[in-house]
PDB file of N, CA and C in Angstrom:
ATOM      1  N   MET A   1      17.151 -46.787  23.463  1.00  0.00           N
ATOM      2  CA  MET A   1      17.799 -47.442  22.468  1.00  0.00           C
ATOM      3  C   MET A   1      18.848 -48.125  22.835  1.00  0.00           C
ATOM      4  N   GLU A   2      19.080 -49.508  22.139  1.00  0.00           N
ATOM      5  CA  GLU A   2      20.063 -50.443  22.647  1.00  0.00           C
ATOM      6  C   GLU A   2      21.192 -50.189  21.649  1.00  0.00           C
ATOM      7  N   VAL A   3      22.489 -50.288  22.274  1.00  0.00           N
ATOM      8  CA  VAL A   3      23.653 -50.024  21.662  1.00  0.00           C
ATOM      9  C   VAL A   3      24.695 -51.102  21.942  1.00  0.00           C
ATOM     10  N   VAL A   4      25.580 -51.289  20.897  1.00  0.00           N
ATOM     11  CA  VAL A   4      26.676 -52.097  20.929  1.00  0.00           C
ATOM     12  C   VAL A   4      28.055 -51.271  20.677  1.00  0.00           C
ATOM     13  N   PHE A   5      29.035 -51.704  21.206  1.00  0.00           N
ATOM     14  CA  PHE A   5      30.472 -51.141  20.929  1.00  0.00           C
ATOM     15  C   PHE A   5      31.354 -52.147  20.177  1.00  0.00           C
ATOM     16  N   VAL A   6      31.720 -51.565  18.937  1.00  0.00           N
ATOM     17  CA  VAL A   6      32.462 -52.428  17.932  1.00  0.00           C
ATOM     18  C   VAL A   6      33.948 -52.092  18.202  1.00  0.00           C
ATOM     19  N   LEU A   7      34.856 -52.982  18.441  1.00  0.00           N
ATOM     20  CA  LEU A   7      36.192 -52.842  18.473  1.00  0.00           C
ATOM     21  C   LEU A   7      37.026 -53.350  17.243  1.00  0.00           C
ATOM     22  N   HIS A   8      37.731 -52.441  16.583  1.00  0.00           N
ATOM     23  CA  HIS A   8      38.502 -52.808  15.296  1.00  0.00           C
ATOM     24  C   HIS A   8      39.918 -52.415  15.828  1.00  0.00           C
ATOM     25  N   HIS A   9      40.908 -53.111  15.184  1.00  0.00           N
ATOM     26  CA  HIS A   9      42.285 -52.768  15.071  1.00  0.00           C
ATOM     27  C   HIS A   9      42.626 -52.202  13.759  1.00  0.00           C
ATOM     28  N   VAL A  10      43.199 -51.121  13.649  1.00  0.00           N
ATOM     29  CA  VAL A  10      43.482 -50.691  12.263  1.00  0.00           C
ATOM     30  C   VAL A  10      44.965 -50.387  12.218  1.00  0.00           C
ATOM     31  N   ARG A  11      45.627 -50.705  11.172  1.00  0.00           N
ATOM     32  CA  ARG A  11      47.084 -50.151  10.987  1.00  0.00           C
ATOM     33  C   ARG A  11      47.293 -49.856   9.387  1.00  0.00           C
ATOM     34  N   SER A  12      48.206 -48.872   9.279  1.00  0.00           N
ATOM     35  CA  SER A  12      48.494 -48.816   7.755  1.00  0.00           C
ATOM     36  C   SER A  12      49.766 -49.084   7.493  1.00  0.00           C
ATOM     37  N   ASP A  13      50.061 -49.514   6.263  1.00  0.00           N
ATOM     38  CA  ASP A  13      51.259 -49.622   5.820  1.00  0.00           C
ATOM     39  C   ASP A  13      51.467 -49.144   4.377  1.00  0.00           C
ATOM     40  N   ASP A  14      52.729 -49.177   3.767  1.00  0.00           N
ATOM     41  CA  ASP A  14      52.677 -48.627   2.345  1.00  0.00           C
ATOM     42  C   ASP A  14      52.370 -49.551   1.388  1.00  0.00           C
ATOM     43  N   GLU A  15      52.484 -50.834   1.670  1.00  0.00           N
ATOM     44  CA  GLU A  15      52.110 -51.988   0.853  1.00  0.00           C
ATOM     45  C   GLU A  15      50.711 -52.209   0.507  1.00  0.00           C
ATOM     46  N   TYR A  16      49.840 -52.024   1.730  1.00  0.00           N
ATOM     47  CA  TYR A  16      48.473 -52.579   1.685  1.00  0.00           C
ATOM     48  C   TYR A  16      47.584 -51.426   2.070  1.00  0.00           C
ATOM     49  N   GLY A  17      47.961 -50.304   2.493  1.00  0.00           N
ATOM     50  CA  GLY A  17      47.209 -49.313   2.950  1.00  0.00           C
ATOM     51  C   GLY A  17      46.559 -49.663   4.284  1.00  0.00           C
ATOM     52  N   ASP A  18      45.321 -49.314   4.673  1.00  0.00           N
ATOM     53  CA  ASP A  18      44.778 -49.558   5.954  1.00  0.00           C
ATOM     54  C   ASP A  18      44.276 -51.250   5.933  1.00  0.00           C
ATOM     55  N   ASN A  19      44.674 -51.766   7.118  1.00  0.00           N
ATOM     56  CA  ASN A  19      44.517 -53.122   7.399  1.00  0.00           C
ATOM     57  C   ASN A  19      43.691 -53.086   8.593  1.00  0.00           C
ATOM     58  N   ALA A  20      42.314 -53.424   8.591  1.00  0.00           N
ATOM     59  CA  ALA A  20      41.318 -53.336   9.663  1.00  0.00           C
ATOM     60  C   ALA A  20      41.114 -54.769  10.191  1.00  0.00           C
ATOM     61  N   LYS A  21      41.089 -55.057  11.426  1.00  0.00           N
ATOM     62  CA  LYS A  21      40.527 -56.361  11.975  1.00  0.00           C
ATOM     63  C   LYS A  21      39.370 -56.038  12.804  1.00  0.00           C
ATOM     64  N   LEU A  22      38.299 -56.780  12.703  1.00  0.00           N
ATOM     65  CA  LEU A  22      37.266 -56.725  13.586  1.00  0.00           C
ATOM     66  C   LEU A  22      37.446 -57.576  14.675  1.00  0.00           C
ATOM     67  N   ILE A  23      37.649 -57.099  15.926  1.00  0.00           N
ATOM     68  CA  ILE A  23      38.127 -57.735  17.111  1.00  0.00           C
ATOM     69  C   ILE A  23      36.820 -58.262  17.899  1.00  0.00           C
ATOM     70  N   GLY A  24      35.893 -57.516  18.261  1.00  0.00           N
ATOM     71  CA  GLY A  24      34.723 -58.111  18.688  1.00  0.00           C
ATOM     72  C   GLY A  24      33.600 -56.872  18.769  1.00  0.00           C
ATOM     73  N   VAL A  25      32.498 -57.513  19.378  1.00  0.00           N
ATOM     74  CA  VAL A  25      31.365 -56.559  19.688  1.00  0.00           C
ATOM     75  C   VAL A  25      30.932 -56.744  21.048  1.00  0.00           C
ATOM     76  N   TYR A  26      30.805 -55.640  21.773  1.00  0.00           N
ATOM     77  CA  TYR A  26      30.685 -55.591  23.311  1.00  0.00           C
ATOM     78  C   TYR A  26      29.330 -54.647  23.713  1.00  0.00           C
ATOM     79  N   ARG A  27      28.879 -55.153  24.835  1.00  0.00           N
ATOM     80  CA  ARG A  27      27.771 -54.273  25.458  1.00  0.00           C
ATOM     81  C   ARG A  27      28.045 -53.082  25.972  1.00  0.00           C
ATOM     82  N   THR A  28      29.278 -52.965  26.409  1.00  0.00           N
ATOM     83  CA  THR A  28      29.612 -51.653  27.083  1.00  0.00           C
ATOM     84  C   THR A  28      30.971 -51.036  26.409  1.00  0.00           C
ATOM     85  N   ALA A  29      31.179 -49.778  26.416  1.00  0.00           N
ATOM     86  CA  ALA A  29      32.411 -49.340  26.081  1.00  0.00           C
ATOM     87  C   ALA A  29      33.449 -49.982  26.964  1.00  0.00           C
ATOM     88  N   SER A  30      33.310 -49.936  28.360  1.00  0.00           N
ATOM     89  CA  SER A  30      34.304 -50.435  29.176  1.00  0.00           C
ATOM     90  C   SER A  30      34.862 -51.841  28.981  1.00  0.00           C
ATOM     91  N   ALA A  31      33.784 -52.595  28.468  1.00  0.00           N
ATOM     92  CA  ALA A  31      34.152 -54.072  28.078  1.00  0.00           C
ATOM     93  C   ALA A  31      35.054 -54.113  26.694  1.00  0.00           C
ATOM     94  N   ALA A  32      34.732 -53.050  25.731  1.00  0.00           N
ATOM     95  CA  ALA A  32      35.651 -52.979  24.677  1.00  0.00           C
ATOM     96  C   ALA A  32      36.974 -52.410  25.007  1.00  0.00           C
ATOM     97  N   GLU A  33      36.980 -51.575  26.034  1.00  0.00           N
ATOM     98  CA  GLU A  33      38.252 -51.081  26.442  1.00  0.00           C
ATOM     99  C   GLU A  33      39.267 -52.067  27.251  1.00  0.00           C
ATOM    100  N   ALA A  34      38.523 -52.866  28.012  1.00  0.00           N
ATOM    101  CA  ALA A  34      39.248 -54.008  28.575  1.00  0.00           C
ATOM    102  C   ALA A  34      39.842 -54.988  27.453  1.00  0.00           C
ATOM    103  N   ALA A  35      39.186 -55.230  26.420  1.00  0.00           N
ATOM    104  CA  ALA A  35      39.600 -56.103  25.526  1.00  0.00           C
ATOM    105  C   ALA A  35      40.913 -55.538  24.929  1.00  0.00           C
ATOM    106  N   THR A  36      40.924 -54.217  24.716  1.00  0.00           N
ATOM    107  CA  THR A  36      42.264 -53.682  24.088  1.00  0.00           C
ATOM    108  C   THR A  36      43.377 -54.014  25.190  1.00  0.00           C
ATOM    109  N   LYS A  37      43.276 -53.914  26.586  1.00  0.00           N
ATOM    110  CA  LYS A  37      44.205 -54.168  27.447  1.00  0.00           C
ATOM    111  C   LYS A  37      44.617 -55.653  27.365  1.00  0.00           C
ATOM    112  N   ARG A  38      43.489 -56.676  27.366  1.00  0.00           N
ATOM    113  CA  ARG A  38      43.982 -57.996  27.194  1.00  0.00           C
ATOM    114  C   ARG A  38      44.588 -58.267  26.039  1.00  0.00           C
ATOM    115  N   LEU A  39      44.344 -57.739  24.978  1.00  0.00           N
ATOM    116  CA  LEU A  39      45.017 -58.316  23.494  1.00  0.00           C
ATOM    117  C   LEU A  39      46.178 -57.444  23.280  1.00  0.00           C
ATOM    118  N   GLY A  40      46.365 -56.146  23.924  1.00  0.00           N
ATOM    119  CA  GLY A  40      47.496 -55.248  23.489  1.00  0.00           C
ATOM    120  C   GLY A  40      48.838 -55.835  23.480  1.00  0.00           C
ATOM    121  N   GLY A  41      49.044 -56.883  24.141  1.00  0.00           N
ATOM    122  CA  GLY A  41      50.406 -57.358  24.072  1.00  0.00           C
ATOM    123  C   GLY A  41      50.502 -58.372  23.054  1.00  0.00           C
ATOM    124  N   GLN A  42      49.491 -58.877  22.352  1.00  0.00           N
ATOM    125  CA  GLN A  42      49.673 -59.771  21.256  1.00  0.00           C
ATOM    126  C   GLN A  42      50.504 -59.405  20.069  1.00  0.00           C
ATOM    127  N   PRO A  43      50.998 -60.439  19.448  1.00  0.00           N
ATOM    128  CA  PRO A  43      51.948 -59.930  18.271  1.00  0.00           C
ATOM    129  C   PRO A  43      51.067 -59.239  17.345  1.00  0.00           C
ATOM    130  N   GLY A  44      51.661 -58.268  16.605  1.00  0.00           N
ATOM    131  CA  GLY A  44      51.042 -57.386  15.769  1.00  0.00           C
ATOM    132  C   GLY A  44      50.425 -56.140  16.489  1.00  0.00           C
ATOM    133  N   PHE A  45      49.473 -56.431  17.481  1.00  0.00           N
ATOM    134  CA  PHE A  45      48.784 -55.429  18.189  1.00  0.00           C
ATOM    135  C   PHE A  45      49.700 -54.695  19.016  1.00  0.00           C
ATOM    136  N   ALA A  46      50.795 -55.258  19.632  1.00  0.00           N
ATOM    137  CA  ALA A  46      51.795 -54.743  20.427  1.00  0.00           C
ATOM    138  C   ALA A  46      52.711 -53.727  19.494  1.00  0.00           C
ATOM    139  N   ASP A  47      52.877 -54.132  18.219  1.00  0.00           N
ATOM    140  CA  ASP A  47      53.610 -53.052  17.333  1.00  0.00           C
ATOM    141  C   ASP A  47      53.020 -51.825  16.848  1.00  0.00           C
ATOM    142  N   HIS A  48      51.575 -51.945  17.053  1.00  0.00           N
ATOM    143  CA  HIS A  48      50.821 -50.861  16.648  1.00  0.00           C
ATOM    144  C   HIS A  48      49.750 -50.465  17.759  1.00  0.00           C
ATOM    145  N   PRO A  49      50.230 -49.895  19.075  1.00  0.00           N
ATOM    146  CA  PRO A  49      49.334 -49.812  20.161  1.00  0.00           C
ATOM    147  C   PRO A  49      48.225 -48.581  19.712  1.00  0.00           C
ATOM    148  N   SER A  50      48.378 -47.844  18.869  1.00  0.00           N
ATOM    149  CA  SER A  50      47.505 -46.677  18.694  1.00  0.00           C
ATOM    150  C   SER A  50      46.373 -47.155  17.749  1.00  0.00           C
ATOM    151  N   GLY A  51      46.352 -48.349  17.226  1.00  0.00           N
ATOM    152  CA  GLY A  51      45.528 -48.794  16.247  1.00  0.00           C
ATOM    153  C   GLY A  51      44.097 -49.135  16.644  1.00  0.00           C
ATOM    154  N   TRP A  52      43.761 -49.183  18.028  1.00  0.00           N
ATOM    155  CA  TRP A  52      42.490 -49.435  18.462  1.00  0.00           C
ATOM    156  C   TRP A  52      41.423 -48.345  18.202  1.00  0.00           C
ATOM    157  N   GLN A  53      40.303 -48.866  17.827  1.00  0.00           N
ATOM    158  CA  GLN A  53      39.124 -47.907  17.520  1.00  0.00           C
ATOM    159  C   GLN A  53      37.769 -48.611  18.000  1.00  0.00           C
ATOM    160  N   ILE A  54      37.055 -47.868  18.933  1.00  0.00           N
ATOM    161  CA  ILE A  54      35.995 -48.220  19.267  1.00  0.00           C
ATOM    162  C   ILE A  54      34.788 -47.494  18.881  1.00  0.00           C
ATOM    163  N   GLY A  55      33.721 -48.244  18.057  1.00  0.00           N
ATOM    164  CA  GLY A  55      32.595 -47.460  17.625  1.00  0.00           C
ATOM    165  C   GLY A  55      31.396 -47.749  18.326  1.00  0.00           C
ATOM    166  N   ARG A  56      30.548 -46.728  18.494  1.00  0.00           N
ATOM    167  CA  ARG A  56      29.310 -47.032  19.285  1.00  0.00           C
ATOM    168  C   ARG A  56      28.238 -47.067  18.088  1.00  0.00           C
ATOM    169  N   TYR A  57      27.372 -48.100  18.199  1.00  0.00           N
ATOM    170  CA  TYR A  57      26.497 -48.397  17.016  1.00  0.00           C
ATOM    171  C   TYR A  57      25.033 -48.613  17.681  1.00  0.00           C
ATOM    172  N   ASP A  58      24.047 -47.760  17.303  1.00  0.00           N
ATOM    173  CA  ASP A  58      22.729 -48.159  17.649  1.00  0.00           C
ATOM    174  C   ASP A  58      22.175 -49.446  17.017  1.00  0.00           C
ATOM    175  N   LEU A  59      21.532 -50.309  17.651  1.00  0.00           N
ATOM    176  CA  LEU A  59      20.972 -51.484  17.024  1.00  0.00           C
ATOM    177  C   LEU A  59      19.770 -51.316  16.160  1.00  0.00           C
ATOM    178  N   ASP A  60      19.624 -51.904  15.207  1.00  0.00           N
ATOM    179  CA  ASP A  60      18.321 -51.936  14.260  1.00  0.00           C
ATOM    180  C   ASP A  60      18.525 -50.716  13.596  1.00  0.00           C
ATOM    181  N   GLN A  61      19.550 -50.065  13.163  1.00  0.00           N
ATOM    182  CA  GLN A  61      19.785 -48.989  12.446  1.00  0.00           C
ATOM    183  C   GLN A  61      20.573 -49.193  11.307  1.00  0.00           C
ATOM    184  N   ASP A  62      20.324 -48.451  10.258  1.00  0.00           N
ATOM    185  CA  ASP A  62      21.292 -48.493   9.159  1.00  0.00           C
ATOM    186  C   ASP A  62      22.504 -47.571   9.246  1.00  0.00           C
ATOM    187  N   HIS A  63      23.718 -48.056   9.036  1.00  0.00           N
ATOM    188  CA  HIS A  63      24.757 -47.047   9.315  1.00  0.00           C
ATOM    189  C   HIS A  63      25.741 -46.839   8.146  1.00  0.00           C
ATOM    190  N   TRP A  64      25.463 -47.484   7.169  1.00  0.00           N
ATOM    191  CA  TRP A  64      26.167 -47.007   5.794  1.00  0.00           C
ATOM    192  C   TRP A  64      25.082 -46.868   4.806  1.00  0.00           C
ATOM    193  N   ILE A  65      24.587 -45.632   4.545  1.00  0.00           N
ATOM    194  CA  ILE A  65      23.498 -45.351   3.685  1.00  0.00           C
ATOM    195  C   ILE A  65      23.760 -44.712   2.553  1.00  0.00           C
ATOM    196  N   GLU A  66      25.190 -44.413   2.195  1.00  0.00           N
ATOM    197  CA  GLU A  66      25.516 -43.637   1.190  1.00  0.00           C
ATOM    198  C   GLU A  66      25.826 -44.609  -0.194  1.00  0.00           C
ATOM    199  N   GLY A  67      25.813 -45.781  -0.111  1.00  0.00           N
ATOM    200  CA  GLY A  67      26.325 -46.501  -1.081  1.00  0.00           C
ATOM    201  C   GLY A  67      27.878 -46.549  -1.418  1.00  0.00           C
ATOM    202  N   PHE A  68      28.268 -46.903  -2.309  1.00  0.00           N
ATOM    203  CA  PHE A  68      29.721 -46.779  -2.729  1.00  0.00           C
ATOM    204  C   PHE A  68      30.045 -46.926  -4.076  1.00  0.00           C
ATOM    205  N   GLY A  69      31.305 -46.246  -4.604  1.00  0.00           N
ATOM    206  CA  GLY A  69      31.739 -46.218  -5.672  1.00  0.00           C
ATOM    207  C   GLY A  69      32.990 -46.992  -5.949  1.00  0.00           C
ATOM    208  N   PHE A  70      33.468 -47.010  -7.212  1.00  0.00           N
ATOM    209  CA  PHE A  70      34.687 -47.721  -7.563  1.00  0.00           C
ATOM    210  C   PHE A  70      35.674 -46.631  -8.207  1.00  0.00           C
ATOM    211  N   VAL A  71      37.031 -46.895  -7.864  1.00  0.00           N
ATOM    212  CA  VAL A  71      38.165 -46.075  -8.457  1.00  0.00           C
ATOM    213  C   VAL A  71      38.719 -46.947  -9.429  1.00  0.00           C
ATOM    214  N   GLU A  72      38.769 -46.356 -10.632  1.00  0.00           N
ATOM    215  CA  GLU A  72      39.581 -47.151 -11.835  1.00  0.00           C
ATOM    216  C   GLU A  72      40.888 -47.173 -11.311  1.00  0.00           C
ATOM    217  N   PRO A  73      41.735 -48.166 -11.515  1.00  0.00           N
ATOM    218  CA  PRO A  73      43.113 -48.176 -11.408  1.00  0.00           C
ATOM    219  C   PRO A  73      43.827 -47.481 -12.457  1.00  0.00           C
ATOM    220  N   ASP A  74      45.045 -46.727 -12.202  1.00  0.00           N
ATOM    221  CA  ASP A  74      46.067 -46.142 -13.376  1.00  0.00           C
ATOM    222  C   ASP A  74      46.353 -47.090 -14.257  1.00  0.00           C
ATOM    223  N   GLU A  75      46.477 -46.847 -15.443  1.00  0.00           N
ATOM    224  CA  GLU A  75      46.936 -47.591 -16.556  1.00  0.00           C
ATOM    225  C   GLU A  75      48.516 -47.398 -16.717  1.00  0.00           C
TER     226      GLU A  75
END
C-alpha cells in the first residue's frame, strides 16, 4: 500500500479556536519531520513550536466516512 505523510500546523486561541494550516504532503515521515525543522523558525510557527502534526494516510482510501453535522449557534 502506498502512503503519504501530511504535515499540518495547528494552534488554538480564544478568539478563533483551532487554526490549522496544511503545510505539505511528503513521501516519508522523515521528509515531513525535516519540514518542521526548516519552517520552525518562521513567524507564527516559532511562537507555537508544539503545533506540528504529521498524519499517515494510505492512498486511494476514504479517510472521513462519518459525514458531518451542524451545531446551531446560541441565541
